[in-house]
């Protein structure tokens, strides 16, 4: 065996060891993705009178005190999304949706101000989808947790 053969074999072993470390680190990194305490991403669509809801809020409140968390999102152009980072732990939730009209005056004798002062926004969404909501969903660990709503 010559010095060249020995150096070549050493380089191959070194490359093999480095490759093994790269693969091991990649596997460890893949297994270390954050789980956000088991929270799940939630998304969906909201239609109001057959059209995507232009602007509103959707909120998920836990039905049981089992450690579930409350969360919500803004609905824009009929879509909402809650990333896992701010998502919901598996469990059952009551859903409420609100969307103000953006033009109801608190004092009808005064005009709305330039910053929207004097506007209280009357909710456009029927009570059975917000204040008196009976809408329920179950968030699961295996997902996907996509919940769509059609509000008449």
N, C-alpha and C. Protein backbone atom coordinates (compact mmCIF):
# COMPACT_ATOMS: atom_id res chain seq x y z
N UNK A 1 0.85 -1.16 0.00
CA UNK A 1 0.00 0.00 0.00
C UNK A 1 0.90 1.23 0.00
N UNK A 2 0.57 2.16 -0.86
CA UNK A 2 1.39 3.37 -0.98
C UNK A 2 0.78 4.47 -0.14
N UNK A 3 1.53 5.54 -0.02
CA UNK A 3 1.07 6.71 0.72
C UNK A 3 -0.19 7.28 0.07
N UNK A 4 -0.27 7.24 -1.27
CA UNK A 4 -1.42 7.77 -2.01
C UNK A 4 -2.67 6.95 -1.70
N UNK A 5 -2.52 5.60 -1.67
CA UNK A 5 -3.66 4.75 -1.35
C UNK A 5 -4.17 5.02 0.06
N UNK A 6 -3.27 5.21 1.00
CA UNK A 6 -3.64 5.48 2.38
C UNK A 6 -4.37 6.82 2.50
N UNK A 7 -3.87 7.84 1.81
CA UNK A 7 -4.51 9.16 1.86
C UNK A 7 -5.88 9.12 1.20
N UNK A 8 -5.98 8.38 0.10
CA UNK A 8 -7.25 8.27 -0.60
C UNK A 8 -8.28 7.55 0.27
N UNK A 9 -7.89 6.49 0.94
CA UNK A 9 -8.78 5.76 1.83
C UNK A 9 -9.21 6.62 3.01
N UNK A 10 -8.29 7.40 3.52
CA UNK A 10 -8.59 8.29 4.64
C UNK A 10 -9.60 9.36 4.22
N UNK A 11 -9.46 9.88 3.00
CA UNK A 11 -10.40 10.89 2.50
C UNK A 11 -11.79 10.30 2.34
N UNK A 12 -11.84 9.04 1.84
CA UNK A 12 -13.14 8.39 1.67
C UNK A 12 -13.83 8.17 3.01
N UNK A 13 -13.05 7.71 4.01
CA UNK A 13 -13.63 7.50 5.34
C UNK A 13 -14.11 8.82 5.93
N UNK A 14 -13.31 9.86 5.77
CA UNK A 14 -13.67 11.18 6.28
C UNK A 14 -14.96 11.68 5.62
N UNK A 15 -15.06 11.49 4.31
CA UNK A 15 -16.26 11.90 3.59
C UNK A 15 -17.47 11.08 4.05
N UNK A 16 -17.28 9.80 4.27
CA UNK A 16 -18.37 8.93 4.73
C UNK A 16 -18.84 9.36 6.12
N UNK A 17 -17.89 9.68 7.00
CA UNK A 17 -18.25 10.11 8.36
C UNK A 17 -19.01 11.43 8.30
N UNK A 18 -18.52 12.38 7.49
CA UNK A 18 -19.21 13.67 7.36
C UNK A 18 -20.60 13.49 6.78
N UNK A 19 -20.73 12.63 5.80
CA UNK A 19 -22.04 12.38 5.20
C UNK A 19 -23.00 11.78 6.22
N UNK A 20 -22.50 10.86 7.02
CA UNK A 20 -23.34 10.25 8.06
C UNK A 20 -23.81 11.30 9.06
N UNK A 21 -22.93 12.22 9.44
CA UNK A 21 -23.31 13.30 10.36
C UNK A 21 -24.37 14.20 9.75
N UNK A 22 -24.23 14.52 8.48
CA UNK A 22 -25.22 15.38 7.81
C UNK A 22 -26.59 14.69 7.81
N UNK A 23 -26.62 13.42 7.48
CA UNK A 23 -27.88 12.67 7.46
C UNK A 23 -28.48 12.62 8.87
N UNK A 24 -27.66 12.34 9.87
CA UNK A 24 -28.12 12.26 11.25
C UNK A 24 -28.70 13.61 11.71
N UNK A 25 -28.00 14.69 11.42
CA UNK A 25 -28.49 16.02 11.80
C UNK A 25 -29.79 16.36 11.10
N UNK A 26 -29.92 15.98 9.83
CA UNK A 26 -31.16 16.24 9.10
C UNK A 26 -32.33 15.48 9.72
N UNK A 27 -32.10 14.23 10.12
CA UNK A 27 -33.15 13.44 10.75
C UNK A 27 -33.55 14.02 12.11
N UNK A 28 -32.57 14.45 12.89
CA UNK A 28 -32.85 15.05 14.19
C UNK A 28 -33.63 16.34 14.01
N UNK A 29 -33.21 17.16 13.06
CA UNK A 29 -33.89 18.44 12.82
C UNK A 29 -35.34 18.21 12.38
N UNK A 30 -35.57 17.21 11.57
CA UNK A 30 -36.94 16.92 11.11
C UNK A 30 -37.81 16.49 12.27
N UNK A 31 -37.25 15.77 13.22
CA UNK A 31 -38.00 15.32 14.38
C UNK A 31 -38.17 16.39 15.44
N UNK A 32 -37.49 17.50 15.29
CA UNK A 32 -37.54 18.56 16.29
C UNK A 32 -38.38 19.75 15.86
N UNK A 33 -39.24 19.55 14.90
CA UNK A 33 -40.12 20.64 14.48
C UNK A 33 -41.02 21.01 15.65
N UNK A 34 -41.28 22.29 15.85
CA UNK A 34 -42.10 22.68 17.00
C UNK A 34 -43.51 22.12 16.89
N UNK A 35 -44.06 21.67 18.03
CA UNK A 35 -45.43 21.16 18.00
C UNK A 35 -46.40 22.14 18.66
N UNK A 36 -45.90 23.23 19.18
CA UNK A 36 -46.73 24.29 19.77
C UNK A 36 -47.70 23.74 20.81
N UNK A 37 -47.23 22.83 21.63
CA UNK A 37 -48.07 22.31 22.70
C UNK A 37 -49.26 21.51 22.21
N UNK A 38 -49.15 20.94 21.02
CA UNK A 38 -50.24 20.15 20.46
C UNK A 38 -51.28 20.99 19.73
N UNK A 39 -51.07 22.29 19.64
CA UNK A 39 -52.02 23.15 18.93
C UNK A 39 -52.07 22.78 17.45
N UNK A 40 -53.25 22.91 16.88
CA UNK A 40 -53.47 22.55 15.49
C UNK A 40 -53.85 23.78 14.67
N UNK A 41 -53.39 23.82 13.44
CA UNK A 41 -53.79 24.88 12.52
C UNK A 41 -55.26 24.69 12.16
N UNK A 42 -55.96 25.81 12.01
CA UNK A 42 -57.38 25.78 11.66
C UNK A 42 -57.60 26.78 10.53
N UNK A 43 -58.42 26.40 9.56
CA UNK A 43 -58.70 27.32 8.45
C UNK A 43 -60.07 27.01 7.87
N UNK A 44 -60.50 27.88 6.96
CA UNK A 44 -61.77 27.64 6.31
C UNK A 44 -62.28 28.86 5.58
N UNK A 45 -63.55 28.78 5.20
CA UNK A 45 -64.18 29.88 4.48
C UNK A 45 -65.49 30.26 5.17
N UNK A 46 -65.90 31.51 4.94
CA UNK A 46 -67.17 31.99 5.47
C UNK A 46 -67.89 32.71 4.34
N UNK A 47 -69.10 32.23 4.04
CA UNK A 47 -69.95 32.91 3.05
C UNK A 47 -71.16 33.48 3.78
N UNK A 48 -71.53 34.70 3.39
CA UNK A 48 -72.68 35.39 3.97
C UNK A 48 -73.61 35.77 2.83
N UNK A 49 -74.83 35.22 2.87
CA UNK A 49 -75.81 35.43 1.81
C UNK A 49 -75.24 35.05 0.44
N UNK A 50 -74.53 33.92 0.41
CA UNK A 50 -74.01 33.38 -0.84
C UNK A 50 -72.70 33.97 -1.33
N UNK A 51 -72.20 35.01 -0.66
CA UNK A 51 -70.96 35.67 -1.09
C UNK A 51 -69.89 35.52 -0.01
N UNK A 52 -68.61 35.51 -0.39
CA UNK A 52 -67.55 35.48 0.63
C UNK A 52 -67.70 36.68 1.58
N UNK A 53 -67.62 36.43 2.87
CA UNK A 53 -67.71 37.51 3.86
C UNK A 53 -66.52 38.44 3.67
N UNK A 54 -66.80 39.71 3.42
CA UNK A 54 -65.72 40.65 3.10
C UNK A 54 -64.79 40.90 4.28
N UNK A 55 -65.35 41.07 5.47
CA UNK A 55 -64.53 41.39 6.64
C UNK A 55 -65.30 41.00 7.89
N UNK A 56 -64.67 40.23 8.76
CA UNK A 56 -65.33 39.80 9.98
C UNK A 56 -64.34 39.13 10.91
N UNK A 57 -64.87 38.49 11.95
CA UNK A 57 -64.04 37.79 12.93
C UNK A 57 -64.70 36.45 13.23
N UNK A 58 -63.88 35.40 13.31
CA UNK A 58 -64.37 34.09 13.73
C UNK A 58 -63.64 33.73 15.01
N UNK A 59 -64.38 33.18 15.97
CA UNK A 59 -63.79 32.85 17.26
C UNK A 59 -64.19 31.43 17.66
N UNK A 60 -63.24 30.71 18.23
CA UNK A 60 -63.45 29.34 18.70
C UNK A 60 -63.27 29.33 20.21
N UNK A 61 -64.33 28.94 20.95
CA UNK A 61 -64.27 28.87 22.42
C UNK A 61 -64.45 27.41 22.84
N UNK A 62 -63.61 26.93 23.76
CA UNK A 62 -63.72 25.53 24.19
C UNK A 62 -65.06 25.25 24.87
N UNK A 63 -65.63 24.09 24.58
CA UNK A 63 -66.89 23.68 25.21
C UNK A 63 -66.66 23.12 26.60
N UNK A 64 -65.49 22.56 26.82
CA UNK A 64 -65.19 21.93 28.10
C UNK A 64 -63.91 22.52 28.66
N UNK A 65 -63.79 22.49 29.97
CA UNK A 65 -62.58 22.99 30.62
C UNK A 65 -61.49 21.95 30.66
N UNK A 66 -61.13 21.40 29.50
CA UNK A 66 -60.14 20.33 29.44
C UNK A 66 -58.77 20.85 29.00
N UNK A 67 -58.47 22.10 29.27
CA UNK A 67 -57.19 22.65 28.87
C UNK A 67 -57.19 23.20 27.46
N UNK A 68 -58.32 23.12 26.78
CA UNK A 68 -58.40 23.65 25.42
C UNK A 68 -58.26 25.17 25.47
N UNK A 69 -57.76 25.72 24.41
CA UNK A 69 -57.54 27.16 24.35
C UNK A 69 -58.51 27.84 23.41
N UNK A 70 -58.78 29.10 23.68
CA UNK A 70 -59.64 29.92 22.83
C UNK A 70 -58.74 30.60 21.79
N UNK A 71 -59.25 30.72 20.57
CA UNK A 71 -58.49 31.42 19.54
C UNK A 71 -59.46 31.95 18.50
N UNK A 72 -58.96 32.78 17.62
CA UNK A 72 -59.80 33.33 16.57
C UNK A 72 -58.95 33.94 15.48
N UNK A 73 -59.63 34.45 14.46
CA UNK A 73 -58.92 35.04 13.33
C UNK A 73 -59.82 36.03 12.62
N UNK A 74 -59.20 36.90 11.86
CA UNK A 74 -59.96 37.81 11.02
C UNK A 74 -60.36 37.07 9.75
N UNK A 75 -61.58 37.32 9.32
CA UNK A 75 -62.07 36.77 8.06
C UNK A 75 -61.92 37.87 7.02
N UNK A 76 -61.17 37.61 5.98
CA UNK A 76 -60.99 38.57 4.89
C UNK A 76 -61.28 37.89 3.57
N UNK A 77 -62.11 38.51 2.77
CA UNK A 77 -62.48 37.97 1.46
C UNK A 77 -62.97 36.53 1.58
N UNK A 78 -63.67 36.23 2.68
CA UNK A 78 -64.27 34.92 2.86
C UNK A 78 -63.36 33.84 3.39
N UNK A 79 -62.12 34.18 3.74
CA UNK A 79 -61.18 33.15 4.21
C UNK A 79 -60.61 33.53 5.57
N UNK A 80 -60.33 32.50 6.37
CA UNK A 80 -59.64 32.72 7.64
C UNK A 80 -58.61 31.61 7.83
N UNK A 81 -57.60 31.91 8.64
CA UNK A 81 -56.56 30.93 8.90
C UNK A 81 -55.93 31.22 10.26
N UNK A 82 -55.81 30.18 11.06
CA UNK A 82 -55.12 30.27 12.34
C UNK A 82 -53.93 29.31 12.26
N UNK A 83 -52.70 29.81 12.26
CA UNK A 83 -51.54 28.92 12.18
C UNK A 83 -51.41 28.11 13.48
N UNK A 84 -50.73 26.97 13.40
CA UNK A 84 -50.57 26.10 14.57
C UNK A 84 -49.99 26.85 15.76
N UNK A 85 -49.13 27.78 15.52
CA UNK A 85 -48.51 28.56 16.59
C UNK A 85 -49.57 29.22 17.49
N UNK A 86 -50.69 29.63 16.92
CA UNK A 86 -51.78 30.26 17.66
C UNK A 86 -53.05 29.41 17.62
N UNK A 87 -52.91 28.17 17.20
CA UNK A 87 -54.05 27.30 16.94
C UNK A 87 -54.75 26.75 18.17
N UNK A 88 -55.51 25.70 17.94
CA UNK A 88 -56.35 25.11 18.97
C UNK A 88 -55.87 23.70 19.31
N UNK A 89 -55.93 23.36 20.59
CA UNK A 89 -55.62 21.99 20.97
C UNK A 89 -56.83 21.13 20.63
N UNK A 90 -56.63 19.84 20.38
CA UNK A 90 -57.76 18.99 20.04
C UNK A 90 -58.87 19.06 21.11
N UNK A 91 -60.09 19.12 20.62
CA UNK A 91 -61.25 19.21 21.50
C UNK A 91 -62.43 19.81 20.77
N UNK A 92 -63.53 20.00 21.51
CA UNK A 92 -64.75 20.56 20.92
C UNK A 92 -64.84 22.05 21.23
N UNK A 93 -65.31 22.81 20.23
CA UNK A 93 -65.38 24.26 20.34
C UNK A 93 -66.71 24.80 19.84
N UNK A 94 -67.16 25.89 20.46
CA UNK A 94 -68.30 26.65 19.96
C UNK A 94 -67.73 27.75 19.08
N UNK A 95 -68.35 27.95 17.93
CA UNK A 95 -67.87 28.91 16.94
C UNK A 95 -68.81 30.10 16.87
N UNK A 96 -68.24 31.30 16.88
CA UNK A 96 -69.05 32.50 16.67
C UNK A 96 -68.39 33.36 15.61
N UNK A 97 -69.23 33.97 14.79
CA UNK A 97 -68.76 34.81 13.68
C UNK A 97 -69.45 36.16 13.81
N UNK A 98 -68.68 37.23 13.70
CA UNK A 98 -69.24 38.58 13.75
C UNK A 98 -68.73 39.39 12.57
N UNK A 99 -69.55 40.35 12.14
CA UNK A 99 -69.16 41.25 11.05
C UNK A 99 -70.03 42.50 11.14
N UNK A 100 -69.43 43.59 11.57
CA UNK A 100 -70.16 44.84 11.70
C UNK A 100 -70.45 45.46 10.34
N UNK A 101 -71.47 46.33 10.31
CA UNK A 101 -71.81 46.98 9.05
C UNK A 101 -70.94 48.21 8.78
N UNK A 102 -70.24 48.70 9.80
CA UNK A 102 -69.32 49.82 9.60
C UNK A 102 -69.97 51.15 9.32
N UNK A 103 -71.28 51.26 9.56
CA UNK A 103 -71.92 52.54 9.24
C UNK A 103 -73.04 52.96 10.20
N UNK A 104 -73.37 52.14 11.18
CA UNK A 104 -74.44 52.50 12.11
C UNK A 104 -73.94 53.56 13.10
N UNK A 105 -74.65 54.66 13.20
CA UNK A 105 -74.23 55.76 14.09
C UNK A 105 -74.73 55.54 15.51
N UNK A 106 -73.86 55.81 16.48
CA UNK A 106 -74.24 55.73 17.89
C UNK A 106 -75.21 56.86 18.23
N UNK A 107 -74.95 58.04 17.69
CA UNK A 107 -75.80 59.20 17.91
C UNK A 107 -76.28 59.67 16.54
N UNK A 108 -77.53 59.43 16.26
CA UNK A 108 -78.06 59.74 14.92
C UNK A 108 -78.13 61.24 14.63
N UNK A 109 -77.99 62.07 15.67
CA UNK A 109 -78.04 63.51 15.46
C UNK A 109 -76.67 64.09 15.10
N UNK A 110 -75.61 63.28 15.23
CA UNK A 110 -74.26 63.74 14.89
C UNK A 110 -73.76 62.95 13.69
N UNK A 111 -73.07 63.62 12.77
CA UNK A 111 -72.50 62.89 11.63
C UNK A 111 -71.29 62.08 12.07
N UNK A 112 -70.94 61.04 11.33
CA UNK A 112 -69.73 60.29 11.66
C UNK A 112 -68.51 61.19 11.51
N UNK A 113 -67.56 61.05 12.41
CA UNK A 113 -66.33 61.84 12.34
C UNK A 113 -65.38 61.29 11.29
N UNK A 114 -64.31 62.04 10.99
CA UNK A 114 -63.36 61.61 9.96
C UNK A 114 -62.60 60.34 10.33
N UNK A 115 -62.51 60.03 11.61
CA UNK A 115 -61.79 58.82 12.03
C UNK A 115 -62.74 57.67 12.33
N UNK A 116 -64.00 57.83 11.96
CA UNK A 116 -64.97 56.78 12.23
C UNK A 116 -65.65 56.94 13.58
N UNK A 117 -65.37 58.07 14.26
CA UNK A 117 -66.03 58.32 15.54
C UNK A 117 -67.54 58.35 15.32
N UNK A 118 -68.27 57.92 16.32
CA UNK A 118 -69.74 57.88 16.30
C UNK A 118 -70.26 56.66 15.53
N UNK A 119 -69.40 55.74 15.14
CA UNK A 119 -69.83 54.52 14.45
C UNK A 119 -69.76 53.35 15.45
N UNK A 120 -70.85 52.63 15.61
CA UNK A 120 -70.87 51.49 16.53
C UNK A 120 -70.93 50.14 15.81
N UNK A 121 -71.21 50.13 14.56
CA UNK A 121 -71.29 48.91 13.76
C UNK A 121 -72.32 47.91 14.27
N UNK A 122 -73.43 47.88 13.63
CA UNK A 122 -74.46 46.87 13.89
C UNK A 122 -73.99 45.57 13.25
N UNK A 123 -74.11 44.46 13.99
CA UNK A 123 -73.66 43.17 13.46
C UNK A 123 -74.59 42.69 12.36
N UNK A 124 -74.01 42.29 11.23
CA UNK A 124 -74.78 41.79 10.09
C UNK A 124 -75.11 40.31 10.23
N UNK A 125 -74.35 39.61 11.04
CA UNK A 125 -74.48 38.15 11.15
C UNK A 125 -75.64 37.81 12.10
N UNK A 126 -76.50 36.86 11.71
CA UNK A 126 -77.62 36.46 12.58
C UNK A 126 -77.12 35.91 13.92
N UNK A 127 -77.89 36.14 15.01
CA UNK A 127 -77.48 35.71 16.35
C UNK A 127 -77.13 34.22 16.46
N UNK A 128 -77.78 33.37 15.66
CA UNK A 128 -77.49 31.93 15.77
C UNK A 128 -76.09 31.57 15.28
N UNK A 129 -75.36 32.53 14.74
CA UNK A 129 -73.97 32.31 14.35
C UNK A 129 -73.00 33.12 15.21
N UNK A 130 -73.51 33.92 16.16
CA UNK A 130 -72.61 34.65 17.04
C UNK A 130 -73.10 34.63 18.49
N UNK A 131 -73.87 35.61 18.96
CA UNK A 131 -74.26 35.68 20.37
C UNK A 131 -74.99 34.44 20.86
N UNK A 132 -75.82 33.85 20.03
CA UNK A 132 -76.58 32.65 20.41
C UNK A 132 -76.10 31.42 19.64
N UNK A 133 -74.84 31.42 19.28
CA UNK A 133 -74.30 30.36 18.43
C UNK A 133 -74.44 28.97 19.04
N UNK A 134 -74.86 28.06 18.20
CA UNK A 134 -74.89 26.64 18.54
C UNK A 134 -73.93 25.88 17.62
N UNK A 135 -73.18 26.63 16.83
CA UNK A 135 -72.23 26.03 15.89
C UNK A 135 -71.09 25.39 16.68
N UNK A 136 -70.86 24.10 16.46
CA UNK A 136 -69.80 23.38 17.16
C UNK A 136 -68.92 22.65 16.17
N UNK A 137 -67.63 22.58 16.50
CA UNK A 137 -66.68 21.82 15.70
C UNK A 137 -65.78 21.02 16.63
N UNK A 138 -65.17 19.99 16.07
CA UNK A 138 -64.18 19.23 16.83
C UNK A 138 -62.84 19.31 16.11
N UNK A 139 -61.85 19.83 16.81
CA UNK A 139 -60.48 19.92 16.29
C UNK A 139 -59.79 18.61 16.65
N UNK A 140 -59.13 17.99 15.66
CA UNK A 140 -58.45 16.72 15.89
C UNK A 140 -56.95 16.86 15.66
N UNK A 141 -56.19 15.97 16.28
CA UNK A 141 -54.74 15.99 16.13
C UNK A 141 -54.31 15.56 14.73
N UNK A 142 -55.12 14.71 14.09
CA UNK A 142 -54.72 14.24 12.76
C UNK A 142 -55.19 15.15 11.63
N UNK A 143 -56.12 16.09 11.94
CA UNK A 143 -56.56 17.09 10.95
C UNK A 143 -57.02 16.46 9.65
N UNK A 144 -57.17 17.19 8.58
CA UNK A 144 -57.04 18.65 8.55
C UNK A 144 -58.25 19.29 9.23
N UNK A 145 -58.02 20.40 9.89
CA UNK A 145 -59.07 21.10 10.61
C UNK A 145 -59.55 22.29 9.78
N UNK A 146 -60.38 21.97 8.80
CA UNK A 146 -60.92 22.97 7.88
C UNK A 146 -62.43 23.05 8.12
N UNK A 147 -62.91 24.24 8.48
CA UNK A 147 -64.32 24.42 8.80
C UNK A 147 -64.88 25.56 7.95
N UNK A 148 -65.86 25.23 7.13
CA UNK A 148 -66.48 26.21 6.23
C UNK A 148 -67.89 26.53 6.71
N UNK A 149 -68.30 27.78 6.52
CA UNK A 149 -69.62 28.23 6.98
C UNK A 149 -70.36 28.95 5.87
N UNK A 150 -71.65 28.63 5.75
CA UNK A 150 -72.56 29.30 4.81
C UNK A 150 -73.65 29.94 5.67
N UNK A 151 -73.62 31.24 5.80
CA UNK A 151 -74.58 31.96 6.64
C UNK A 151 -75.66 32.57 5.76
N UNK A 152 -76.94 32.20 6.01
CA UNK A 152 -78.03 32.73 5.17
C UNK A 152 -78.28 34.22 5.43
